[in-house]
Amino acid sequence: MGEITIRTATTRPELEAVLEVVRRVSGEALPGVEELEHVLEVEPGSAFFLAGVGDAVAGSGVGRPSSIEGCFYAIPRVLPDLRGRGVGSALYQALSEQAQSAGRESLLTRVREDDEGSVRFARKRGFEEISREMPVVLDLANVEDAAVEAPGGVEIVSLAQRPDLAEGAWQVDGETSRDIPVEGMTTRPFEEWRALYLEGPSAVAEATLAAVADGEVVGYASLFGYPGGSAEHGLTAVLRPWRGRGIATALKRTQIAWAKRHGYTEIRTANDEANVPMRGINARLGYVAEPASLLLRGPRASRS
């Protein structure tokens, strides 16, 4: 079938090829190639890989330092008609070597629960489930235009209006990340967090929101816009003393209204299975469930 080759993707055509593999394998809504270029520029340790068989692209790999301590986010993908021939193993090796160079001891991967082949691949190599994520999607054609009212005493503003609130949003992100039911969650330094989540090509400053009470940021929600009309919620977080007042719902409804006005057709997000309150909010807002994803942690490949 030809020799398997792995190369690091750095040029725009190579990064486009990485995204094309993801589209064909996962059918996911994806950022543009500019987002991958931005990640390589601002996130040390990140790398994207292309696998080839002869002259044909056979798969791709995404490798990035994870927010989970000691972990490296590593997603190998192989085109369906080329699976079972060693391409996935070659990508696993390349991602493992990148993780080692980034100083990360273990790998973190995500697979759809109904992708039995990928689940078997990961479990065979010692990966174990640490979280189950529940993706949902909202069809904006089904959303009625309506004014959004913030809870009493709370003002919702965008970071485009108030860039001075970015550090407060980062603090909310850091404090609420402790509630994520995955051991070892960490917070990125502010400058890195801002570069990745507020300044990237996919970040939508006009719909990245802060909930402000008494001059302090008590809630935060980010939104990312992708080519083709799909948007994605990032973190939606509210400080513990302010929960149960409708702030998270108001943040999401404000983003939904903004996305519909600006021509987006859908919004996607995912929550940990244990995050019952946020899953309930999504259900009440009309989001529809998709197949679950497994977050799996496992070892780096041994050197071949």
C-alpha atoms as a PDB file:
ATOM      1  CA  MET A   1       0.000   0.000   0.000  1.00  0.00           C
ATOM      2  CA  GLY A   2       3.046   2.272   0.156  1.00  0.00           C
ATOM      3  CA  GLU A   3       5.239   3.552   2.957  1.00  0.00           C
ATOM      4  CA  ILE A   4       3.622   5.389   5.871  1.00  0.00           C
ATOM      5  CA  THR A   5       5.106   8.839   6.407  1.00  0.00           C
ATOM      6  CA  ILE A   6       4.499  11.384   9.168  1.00  0.00           C
ATOM      7  CA  ARG A   7       5.373  15.033   8.770  1.00  0.00           C
ATOM      8  CA  THR A   8       4.742  18.126  10.836  1.00  0.00           C
ATOM      9  CA  ALA A   9       2.151  20.425   9.254  1.00  0.00           C
ATOM     10  CA  THR A  10       3.268  24.053   9.237  1.00  0.00           C
ATOM     11  CA  THR A  11       2.349  25.590   5.859  1.00  0.00           C
ATOM     12  CA  ARG A  12      -1.159  26.769   5.063  1.00  0.00           C
ATOM     13  CA  PRO A  13      -1.828  23.930   2.534  1.00  0.00           C
ATOM     14  CA  GLU A  14      -0.630  21.373   5.094  1.00  0.00           C
ATOM     15  CA  LEU A  15      -2.836  22.818   7.826  1.00  0.00           C
ATOM     16  CA  GLU A  16      -5.787  22.863   5.417  1.00  0.00           C
ATOM     17  CA  ALA A  17      -5.135  19.159   4.821  1.00  0.00           C
ATOM     18  CA  VAL A  18      -5.197  18.542   8.595  1.00  0.00           C
ATOM     19  CA  LEU A  19      -8.615  20.198   8.803  1.00  0.00           C
ATOM     20  CA  GLU A  20      -9.903  18.266   5.793  1.00  0.00           C
ATOM     21  CA  VAL A  21      -9.100  14.972   7.514  1.00  0.00           C
ATOM     22  CA  VAL A  22     -10.994  16.139  10.603  1.00  0.00           C
ATOM     23  CA  ARG A  23     -13.991  17.076   8.433  1.00  0.00           C
ATOM     24  CA  ARG A  24     -14.027  13.704   6.699  1.00  0.00           C
ATOM     25  CA  VAL A  25     -13.523  11.647   9.852  1.00  0.00           C
ATOM     26  CA  SER A  26     -15.536  13.573  12.426  1.00  0.00           C
ATOM     27  CA  GLY A  27     -17.889  15.818  10.496  1.00  0.00           C
ATOM     28  CA  GLU A  28     -17.184  18.521  13.077  1.00  0.00           C
ATOM     29  CA  ALA A  29     -17.722  22.249  12.722  1.00  0.00           C
ATOM     30  CA  LEU A  30     -14.201  23.583  12.464  1.00  0.00           C
ATOM     31  CA  PRO A  31     -12.270  26.849  12.701  1.00  0.00           C
ATOM     32  CA  GLY A  32     -10.452  28.207   9.701  1.00  0.00           C
ATOM     33  CA  VAL A  33      -6.798  27.499   9.025  1.00  0.00           C
ATOM     34  CA  GLU A  34      -5.976  30.903  10.549  1.00  0.00           C
ATOM     35  CA  GLU A  35      -6.886  29.484  13.960  1.00  0.00           C
ATOM     36  CA  LEU A  36      -4.347  26.667  13.603  1.00  0.00           C
ATOM     37  CA  GLU A  37      -1.701  29.181  12.573  1.00  0.00           C
ATOM     38  CA  HIS A  38      -2.560  31.266  15.633  1.00  0.00           C
ATOM     39  CA  VAL A  39      -2.250  28.251  17.950  1.00  0.00           C
ATOM     40  CA  LEU A  40       1.207  27.462  16.582  1.00  0.00           C
ATOM     41  CA  GLU A  41       2.221  31.071  17.145  1.00  0.00           C
ATOM     42  CA  VAL A  42       1.010  31.547  20.731  1.00  0.00           C
ATOM     43  CA  GLU A  43       0.896  28.091  22.339  1.00  0.00           C
ATOM     44  CA  PRO A  44       4.341  26.532  22.935  1.00  0.00           C
ATOM     45  CA  GLY A  45       4.397  22.759  22.522  1.00  0.00           C
ATOM     46  CA  SER A  46       1.518  22.548  20.050  1.00  0.00           C
ATOM     47  CA  ALA A  47       1.935  20.686  16.773  1.00  0.00           C
ATOM     48  CA  PHE A  48      -0.166  19.331  13.906  1.00  0.00           C
ATOM     49  CA  PHE A  49       0.786  16.260  11.887  1.00  0.00           C
ATOM     50  CA  LEU A  50      -0.071  14.766   8.502  1.00  0.00           C
ATOM     51  CA  ALA A  51       0.156  11.049   7.812  1.00  0.00           C
ATOM     52  CA  GLY A  52       0.675   9.882   4.252  1.00  0.00           C
ATOM     53  CA  VAL A  53       0.554   6.579   2.425  1.00  0.00           C
ATOM     54  CA  GLY A  54       2.502   6.957  -0.777  1.00  0.00           C
ATOM     55  CA  ASP A  55       1.405  10.282  -2.241  1.00  0.00           C
ATOM     56  CA  ALA A  56      -1.998  10.300  -0.532  1.00  0.00           C
ATOM     57  CA  VAL A  57      -2.981  11.904   2.783  1.00  0.00           C
ATOM     58  CA  ALA A  58      -4.136   9.127   5.123  1.00  0.00           C
ATOM     59  CA  GLY A  59      -4.676  10.888   8.432  1.00  0.00           C
ATOM     60  CA  SER A  60      -3.792  13.765  10.702  1.00  0.00           C
ATOM     61  CA  GLY A  61      -2.870  14.441  14.308  1.00  0.00           C
ATOM     62  CA  VAL A  62      -3.641  17.337  16.625  1.00  0.00           C
ATOM     63  CA  GLY A  63      -1.349  17.804  19.619  1.00  0.00           C
ATOM     64  CA  ARG A  64      -1.686  20.557  22.234  1.00  0.00           C
ATOM     65  CA  PRO A  65      -0.749  21.003  25.902  1.00  0.00           C
ATOM     66  CA  SER A  66      -3.854  20.271  27.978  1.00  0.00           C
ATOM     67  CA  SER A  67      -5.279  22.245  30.899  1.00  0.00           C
ATOM     68  CA  ILE A  68      -5.086  18.992  32.869  1.00  0.00           C
ATOM     69  CA  GLU A  69      -1.792  18.865  34.720  1.00  0.00           C
ATOM     70  CA  GLY A  70       0.811  16.629  33.059  1.00  0.00           C
ATOM     71  CA  CYS A  71      -1.415  15.842  30.063  1.00  0.00           C
ATOM     72  CA  PHE A  72      -1.013  16.445  26.350  1.00  0.00           C
ATOM     73  CA  TYR A  73      -4.156  16.642  24.220  1.00  0.00           C
ATOM     74  CA  ALA A  74      -3.551  14.200  21.346  1.00  0.00           C
ATOM     75  CA  ILE A  75      -6.067  13.321  18.650  1.00  0.00           C
ATOM     76  CA  PRO A  76      -4.968  10.975  15.837  1.00  0.00           C
ATOM     77  CA  ARG A  77      -7.464  10.583  12.997  1.00  0.00           C
ATOM     78  CA  VAL A  78      -7.255   8.147  10.087  1.00  0.00           C
ATOM     79  CA  LEU A  79      -9.430   8.146   6.992  1.00  0.00           C
ATOM     80  CA  PRO A  80     -11.891   5.219   7.206  1.00  0.00           C
ATOM     81  CA  ASP A  81     -10.634   3.260   4.184  1.00  0.00           C
ATOM     82  CA  LEU A  82      -7.042   3.350   5.492  1.00  0.00           C
ATOM     83  CA  ARG A  83      -7.632   2.177   9.052  1.00  0.00           C
ATOM     84  CA  GLY A  84      -6.040  -0.984  10.380  1.00  0.00           C
ATOM     85  CA  ARG A  85      -2.797  -0.503   8.433  1.00  0.00           C
ATOM     86  CA  GLY A  86      -0.606   1.191  11.032  1.00  0.00           C
ATOM     87  CA  VAL A  87      -1.366   4.828  10.235  1.00  0.00           C
ATOM     88  CA  GLY A  88      -2.998   5.446  13.623  1.00  0.00           C
ATOM     89  CA  SER A  89      -0.066   3.847  15.433  1.00  0.00           C
ATOM     90  CA  ALA A  90       2.399   6.055  13.541  1.00  0.00           C
ATOM     91  CA  LEU A  91       0.435   9.163  14.512  1.00  0.00           C
ATOM     92  CA  TYR A  92       0.247   7.961  18.126  1.00  0.00           C
ATOM     93  CA  GLN A  93       4.034   7.663  18.138  1.00  0.00           C
ATOM     94  CA  ALA A  94       4.516  11.158  16.696  1.00  0.00           C
ATOM     95  CA  LEU A  95       2.076  12.702  19.169  1.00  0.00           C
ATOM     96  CA  SER A  96       3.786  10.885  22.033  1.00  0.00           C
ATOM     97  CA  GLU A  97       7.160  12.265  21.035  1.00  0.00           C
ATOM     98  CA  GLN A  98       5.677  15.762  20.835  1.00  0.00           C
ATOM     99  CA  ALA A  99       4.170  15.303  24.308  1.00  0.00           C
ATOM    100  CA  GLN A 100       7.562  14.290  25.665  1.00  0.00           C
ATOM    101  CA  SER A 101       9.217  17.343  24.124  1.00  0.00           C
ATOM    102  CA  ALA A 102       6.503  19.486  25.758  1.00  0.00           C
ATOM    103  CA  GLY A 103       7.235  17.905  29.143  1.00  0.00           C
ATOM    104  CA  ARG A 104       3.903  16.061  29.419  1.00  0.00           C
ATOM    105  CA  GLU A 105       3.836  12.557  30.887  1.00  0.00           C
ATOM    106  CA  SER A 106       0.483  11.283  29.596  1.00  0.00           C
ATOM    107  CA  LEU A 107      -1.914  11.782  26.721  1.00  0.00           C
ATOM    108  CA  LEU A 108      -5.507  12.931  26.688  1.00  0.00           C
ATOM    109  CA  THR A 109      -7.750  11.997  23.783  1.00  0.00           C
ATOM    110  CA  ARG A 110     -11.411  12.363  22.861  1.00  0.00           C
ATOM    111  CA  VAL A 111     -13.462   9.858  20.861  1.00  0.00           C
ATOM    112  CA  ARG A 112     -17.127   9.532  20.078  1.00  0.00           C
ATOM    113  CA  GLU A 113     -18.723   6.773  22.094  1.00  0.00           C
ATOM    114  CA  ASP A 114     -20.250   5.249  18.963  1.00  0.00           C
ATOM    115  CA  ASP A 115     -16.886   5.124  17.118  1.00  0.00           C
ATOM    116  CA  GLU A 116     -16.113   1.578  18.212  1.00  0.00           C
ATOM    117  CA  GLY A 117     -12.889   1.319  16.223  1.00  0.00           C
ATOM    118  CA  SER A 118     -11.354   4.410  17.817  1.00  0.00           C
ATOM    119  CA  VAL A 119     -12.478   3.350  21.282  1.00  0.00           C
ATOM    120  CA  ARG A 120     -10.822  -0.065  20.782  1.00  0.00           C
ATOM    121  CA  PHE A 121      -7.648   1.600  19.486  1.00  0.00           C
ATOM    122  CA  ALA A 122      -7.368   3.749  22.608  1.00  0.00           C
ATOM    123  CA  ARG A 123      -8.258   1.068  25.150  1.00  0.00           C
ATOM    124  CA  LYS A 124      -5.810  -1.387  23.580  1.00  0.00           C
ATOM    125  CA  ARG A 125      -3.057   1.130  24.365  1.00  0.00           C
ATOM    126  CA  GLY A 126      -4.045   1.568  27.994  1.00  0.00           C
ATOM    127  CA  PHE A 127      -6.343   4.588  27.798  1.00  0.00           C
ATOM    128  CA  GLU A 128      -9.047   4.833  30.446  1.00  0.00           C
ATOM    129  CA  GLU A 129     -12.157   6.987  30.626  1.00  0.00           C
ATOM    130  CA  ILE A 130     -11.922  10.004  32.913  1.00  0.00           C
ATOM    131  CA  SER A 131     -14.972  11.910  31.731  1.00  0.00           C
ATOM    132  CA  ARG A 132     -18.007  11.577  29.499  1.00  0.00           C
ATOM    133  CA  GLU A 133     -19.046  14.655  27.544  1.00  0.00           C
ATOM    134  CA  MET A 134     -22.520  15.326  26.201  1.00  0.00           C
ATOM    135  CA  PRO A 135     -22.496  17.409  22.982  1.00  0.00           C
ATOM    136  CA  VAL A 136     -25.572  19.406  21.971  1.00  0.00           C
ATOM    137  CA  VAL A 137     -26.512  21.646  19.057  1.00  0.00           C
ATOM    138  CA  LEU A 138     -29.025  24.486  18.726  1.00  0.00           C
ATOM    139  CA  ASP A 139     -30.624  25.159  15.331  1.00  0.00           C
ATOM    140  CA  LEU A 140     -30.955  28.943  15.282  1.00  0.00           C
ATOM    141  CA  ALA A 141     -33.767  28.744  12.734  1.00  0.00           C
ATOM    142  CA  ASN A 142     -35.899  27.436  15.596  1.00  0.00           C
ATOM    143  CA  VAL A 143     -35.067  30.348  17.898  1.00  0.00           C
ATOM    144  CA  GLU A 144     -37.497  33.248  18.217  1.00  0.00           C
ATOM    145  CA  ASP A 145     -36.142  36.773  18.518  1.00  0.00           C
ATOM    146  CA  ALA A 146     -36.670  38.093  22.043  1.00  0.00           C
ATOM    147  CA  ALA A 147     -35.142  40.681  24.311  1.00  0.00           C
ATOM    148  CA  VAL A 148     -32.806  39.323  26.965  1.00  0.00           C
ATOM    149  CA  GLU A 149     -33.074  40.707  30.474  1.00  0.00           C
ATOM    150  CA  ALA A 150     -30.247  40.293  32.965  1.00  0.00           C
ATOM    151  CA  PRO A 151     -31.082  39.348  36.558  1.00  0.00           C
ATOM    152  CA  GLY A 152     -31.555  42.268  38.944  1.00  0.00           C
ATOM    153  CA  GLY A 153     -28.317  43.935  39.960  1.00  0.00           C
ATOM    154  CA  VAL A 154     -26.352  42.289  37.124  1.00  0.00           C
ATOM    155  CA  GLU A 155     -25.194  43.896  33.887  1.00  0.00           C
ATOM    156  CA  ILE A 156     -24.141  41.803  30.900  1.00  0.00           C
ATOM    157  CA  VAL A 157     -21.524  43.437  28.680  1.00  0.00           C
ATOM    158  CA  SER A 158     -19.216  42.215  25.957  1.00  0.00           C
ATOM    159  CA  LEU A 159     -15.459  42.281  26.233  1.00  0.00           C
ATOM    160  CA  ALA A 160     -15.472  44.268  23.003  1.00  0.00           C
ATOM    161  CA  GLN A 161     -17.241  47.014  24.976  1.00  0.00           C
ATOM    162  CA  ARG A 162     -15.212  46.497  28.135  1.00  0.00           C
ATOM    163  CA  PRO A 163     -11.795  44.972  27.374  1.00  0.00           C
ATOM    164  CA  ASP A 164     -10.753  46.031  30.873  1.00  0.00           C
ATOM    165  CA  LEU A 165     -12.907  43.167  32.222  1.00  0.00           C
ATOM    166  CA  ALA A 166     -10.732  40.481  30.605  1.00  0.00           C
ATOM    167  CA  GLU A 167      -8.700  39.813  33.733  1.00  0.00           C
ATOM    168  CA  GLY A 168     -11.868  39.485  35.809  1.00  0.00           C
ATOM    169  CA  ALA A 169     -13.214  36.957  33.291  1.00  0.00           C
ATOM    170  CA  TRP A 170      -9.944  35.023  33.540  1.00  0.00           C
ATOM    171  CA  GLN A 171     -10.295  34.939  37.334  1.00  0.00           C
ATOM    172  CA  VAL A 172     -13.826  33.542  37.010  1.00  0.00           C
ATOM    173  CA  ASP A 173     -12.502  30.932  34.575  1.00  0.00           C
ATOM    174  CA  GLY A 174      -9.784  29.920  37.018  1.00  0.00           C
ATOM    175  CA  GLU A 175     -12.041  29.739  40.055  1.00  0.00           C
ATOM    176  CA  THR A 176     -14.843  27.803  38.369  1.00  0.00           C
ATOM    177  CA  SER A 177     -12.454  25.333  36.674  1.00  0.00           C
ATOM    178  CA  ARG A 178     -12.133  23.708  40.102  1.00  0.00           C
ATOM    179  CA  ASP A 179     -15.728  22.547  39.689  1.00  0.00           C
ATOM    180  CA  ILE A 180     -14.944  20.542  36.546  1.00  0.00           C
ATOM    181  CA  PRO A 181     -15.058  16.885  37.674  1.00  0.00           C
ATOM    182  CA  VAL A 182     -11.662  15.973  36.208  1.00  0.00           C
ATOM    183  CA  GLU A 183      -8.653  15.646  38.453  1.00  0.00           C
ATOM    184  CA  GLY A 184      -5.729  18.001  37.843  1.00  0.00           C
ATOM    185  CA  MET A 185      -7.445  20.937  36.118  1.00  0.00           C
ATOM    186  CA  THR A 186      -5.187  23.991  35.964  1.00  0.00           C
ATOM    187  CA  THR A 187      -5.541  27.611  34.809  1.00  0.00           C
ATOM    188  CA  ARG A 188      -3.365  29.032  32.056  1.00  0.00           C
ATOM    189  CA  PRO A 189      -1.410  32.228  32.784  1.00  0.00           C
ATOM    190  CA  PHE A 190      -3.468  35.302  31.934  1.00  0.00           C
ATOM    191  CA  GLU A 191      -1.473  36.379  28.871  1.00  0.00           C
ATOM    192  CA  GLU A 192      -1.627  32.887  27.347  1.00  0.00           C
ATOM    193  CA  TRP A 193      -5.341  32.570  28.191  1.00  0.00           C
ATOM    194  CA  ARG A 194      -6.073  35.937  26.585  1.00  0.00           C
ATOM    195  CA  ALA A 195      -4.073  35.104  23.459  1.00  0.00           C
ATOM    196  CA  LEU A 196      -5.829  31.758  22.970  1.00  0.00           C
ATOM    197  CA  TYR A 197      -9.408  32.539  23.961  1.00  0.00           C
ATOM    198  CA  LEU A 198      -9.865  36.268  23.351  1.00  0.00           C
ATOM    199  CA  GLU A 199      -7.476  37.159  20.540  1.00  0.00           C
ATOM    200  CA  GLY A 200      -7.615  34.168  18.192  1.00  0.00           C
ATOM    201  CA  PRO A 201      -9.239  34.468  14.736  1.00  0.00           C
ATOM    202  CA  SER A 202     -12.271  32.434  15.878  1.00  0.00           C
ATOM    203  CA  ALA A 203     -12.892  34.408  19.071  1.00  0.00           C
ATOM    204  CA  VAL A 204     -15.938  36.693  18.901  1.00  0.00           C
ATOM    205  CA  ALA A 205     -15.249  39.628  21.207  1.00  0.00           C
ATOM    206  CA  GLU A 206     -18.738  41.090  20.653  1.00  0.00           C
ATOM    207  CA  ALA A 207     -20.309  37.898  22.027  1.00  0.00           C
ATOM    208  CA  THR A 208     -17.722  37.048  24.671  1.00  0.00           C
ATOM    209  CA  LEU A 209     -19.533  38.276  27.731  1.00  0.00           C
ATOM    210  CA  ALA A 210     -19.002  39.281  31.332  1.00  0.00           C
ATOM    211  CA  ALA A 211     -21.735  39.431  33.954  1.00  0.00           C
ATOM    212  CA  VAL A 212     -20.912  42.347  36.254  1.00  0.00           C
ATOM    213  CA  ALA A 213     -22.318  43.035  39.731  1.00  0.00           C
ATOM    214  CA  ASP A 214     -21.092  45.790  42.047  1.00  0.00           C
ATOM    215  CA  GLY A 215     -18.243  46.455  39.621  1.00  0.00           C
ATOM    216  CA  GLU A 216     -16.928  42.868  39.772  1.00  0.00           C
ATOM    217  CA  VAL A 217     -17.074  40.103  37.143  1.00  0.00           C
ATOM    218  CA  VAL A 218     -19.248  37.304  38.560  1.00  0.00           C
ATOM    219  CA  GLY A 219     -19.854  35.365  35.339  1.00  0.00           C
ATOM    220  CA  TYR A 220     -18.226  34.837  31.975  1.00  0.00           C
ATOM    221  CA  ALA A 221     -19.113  33.195  28.654  1.00  0.00           C
ATOM    222  CA  SER A 222     -17.071  32.904  25.464  1.00  0.00           C
ATOM    223  CA  LEU A 223     -18.183  32.284  21.888  1.00  0.00           C
ATOM    224  CA  PHE A 224     -16.244  31.174  18.815  1.00  0.00           C
ATOM    225  CA  GLY A 225     -17.371  31.614  15.220  1.00  0.00           C
ATOM    226  CA  TYR A 226     -16.407  29.207  12.424  1.00  0.00           C
ATOM    227  CA  PRO A 227     -16.662  29.304   8.637  1.00  0.00           C
ATOM    228  CA  GLY A 228     -19.932  27.956   7.287  1.00  0.00           C
ATOM    229  CA  GLY A 229     -22.212  29.486   9.891  1.00  0.00           C
ATOM    230  CA  SER A 230     -21.463  27.382  12.952  1.00  0.00           C
ATOM    231  CA  ALA A 231     -20.604  28.890  16.334  1.00  0.00           C
ATOM    232  CA  GLU A 232     -19.443  27.197  19.522  1.00  0.00           C
ATOM    233  CA  HIS A 233     -19.864  28.114  23.159  1.00  0.00           C
ATOM    234  CA  GLY A 234     -16.635  28.028  25.101  1.00  0.00           C
ATOM    235  CA  LEU A 235     -16.801  28.116  28.864  1.00  0.00           C
ATOM    236  CA  THR A 236     -19.948  29.458  30.517  1.00  0.00           C
ATOM    237  CA  ALA A 237     -19.146  30.042  34.185  1.00  0.00           C
ATOM    238  CA  VAL A 238     -20.681  31.792  37.184  1.00  0.00           C
ATOM    239  CA  LEU A 239     -19.079  32.192  40.603  1.00  0.00           C
ATOM    240  CA  ARG A 240     -20.670  29.961  43.247  1.00  0.00           C
ATOM    241  CA  PRO A 241     -22.283  32.731  45.361  1.00  0.00           C
ATOM    242  CA  TRP A 242     -24.069  34.035  42.254  1.00  0.00           C
ATOM    243  CA  ARG A 243     -25.451  30.760  40.926  1.00  0.00           C
ATOM    244  CA  GLY A 244     -29.139  29.983  40.816  1.00  0.00           C
ATOM    245  CA  ARG A 245     -30.117  33.534  39.783  1.00  0.00           C
ATOM    246  CA  GLY A 246     -30.395  33.022  36.034  1.00  0.00           C
ATOM    247  CA  ILE A 247     -27.031  34.544  35.122  1.00  0.00           C
ATOM    248  CA  ALA A 248     -25.795  31.583  33.047  1.00  0.00           C
ATOM    249  CA  THR A 249     -29.109  31.461  31.163  1.00  0.00           C
ATOM    250  CA  ALA A 250     -28.947  35.198  30.453  1.00  0.00           C
ATOM    251  CA  LEU A 251     -25.355  34.889  29.200  1.00  0.00           C
ATOM    252  CA  LYS A 252     -26.293  32.086  26.809  1.00  0.00           C
ATOM    253  CA  ARG A 253     -29.484  33.754  25.621  1.00  0.00           C
ATOM    254  CA  THR A 254     -27.526  36.928  24.870  1.00  0.00           C
ATOM    255  CA  GLN A 255     -25.030  34.928  22.804  1.00  0.00           C
ATOM    256  CA  ILE A 256     -27.832  33.082  21.002  1.00  0.00           C
ATOM    257  CA  ALA A 257     -29.542  36.340  20.071  1.00  0.00           C
ATOM    258  CA  TRP A 258     -26.242  37.841  18.868  1.00  0.00           C
ATOM    259  CA  ALA A 259     -25.415  34.765  16.752  1.00  0.00           C
ATOM    260  CA  LYS A 260     -28.846  34.722  15.106  1.00  0.00           C
ATOM    261  CA  ARG A 261     -28.653  38.446  14.288  1.00  0.00           C
ATOM    262  CA  HIS A 262     -25.229  37.965  12.707  1.00  0.00           C
ATOM    263  CA  GLY A 263     -26.160  35.149  10.350  1.00  0.00           C
ATOM    264  CA  TYR A 264     -24.998  32.047  12.212  1.00  0.00           C
ATOM    265  CA  THR A 265     -27.131  28.942  11.672  1.00  0.00           C
ATOM    266  CA  GLU A 266     -26.237  26.829  14.703  1.00  0.00           C
ATOM    267  CA  ILE A 267     -24.419  26.861  18.029  1.00  0.00           C
ATOM    268  CA  ARG A 268     -22.681  23.817  19.483  1.00  0.00           C
ATOM    269  CA  THR A 269     -21.359  23.041  22.920  1.00  0.00           C
ATOM    270  CA  ALA A 270     -20.638  20.108  25.229  1.00  0.00           C
ATOM    271  CA  ASN A 271     -20.778  19.552  28.974  1.00  0.00           C
ATOM    272  CA  ASP A 272     -19.508  16.909  31.319  1.00  0.00           C
ATOM    273  CA  GLU A 273     -22.190  14.327  32.027  1.00  0.00           C
ATOM    274  CA  ALA A 274     -22.071  15.303  35.717  1.00  0.00           C
ATOM    275  CA  ASN A 275     -22.792  18.982  34.981  1.00  0.00           C
ATOM    276  CA  VAL A 276     -26.534  18.554  35.408  1.00  0.00           C
ATOM    277  CA  PRO A 277     -27.361  22.272  35.965  1.00  0.00           C
ATOM    278  CA  MET A 278     -25.774  23.448  32.705  1.00  0.00           C
ATOM    279  CA  ARG A 279     -27.193  20.520  30.771  1.00  0.00           C
ATOM    280  CA  GLY A 280     -30.609  21.496  32.099  1.00  0.00           C
ATOM    281  CA  ILE A 281     -30.126  25.079  30.916  1.00  0.00           C
ATOM    282  CA  ASN A 282     -29.181  23.849  27.445  1.00  0.00           C
ATOM    283  CA  ALA A 283     -32.235  21.590  27.281  1.00  0.00           C
ATOM    284  CA  ARG A 284     -34.576  24.413  28.270  1.00  0.00           C
ATOM    285  CA  LEU A 285     -33.016  26.636  25.600  1.00  0.00           C
ATOM    286  CA  GLY A 286     -33.745  24.036  22.920  1.00  0.00           C
ATOM    287  CA  TYR A 287     -30.359  22.380  22.381  1.00  0.00           C
ATOM    288  CA  VAL A 288     -30.584  18.850  20.954  1.00  0.00           C
ATOM    289  CA  ALA A 289     -28.341  16.009  22.147  1.00  0.00           C
ATOM    290  CA  GLU A 290     -25.763  14.338  19.900  1.00  0.00           C
ATOM    291  CA  PRO A 291     -23.736  11.136  20.519  1.00  0.00           C
ATOM    292  CA  ALA A 292     -21.622  11.273  23.676  1.00  0.00           C
ATOM    293  CA  SER A 293     -17.846  11.649  23.602  1.00  0.00           C
ATOM    294  CA  LEU A 294     -15.383   9.915  25.897  1.00  0.00           C
ATOM    295  CA  LEU A 295     -12.412  11.755  27.365  1.00  0.00           C
ATOM    296  CA  LEU A 296      -9.668   9.169  27.798  1.00  0.00           C
ATOM    297  CA  ARG A 297      -6.281   9.402  29.477  1.00  0.00           C
ATOM    298  CA  GLY A 298      -3.417   7.077  28.694  1.00  0.00           C
ATOM    299  CA  PRO A 299       0.336   6.603  28.323  1.00  0.00           C
ATOM    300  CA  ARG A 300       2.693   7.940  25.723  1.00  0.00           C
ATOM    301  CA  ALA A 301       3.799   5.354  23.196  1.00  0.00           C
ATOM    302  CA  SER A 302       7.089   3.672  23.958  1.00  0.00           C
ATOM    303  CA  ARG A 303       9.856   4.471  21.526  1.00  0.00           C
ATOM    304  CA  SER A 304       9.731   2.253  18.455  1.00  0.00           C
END
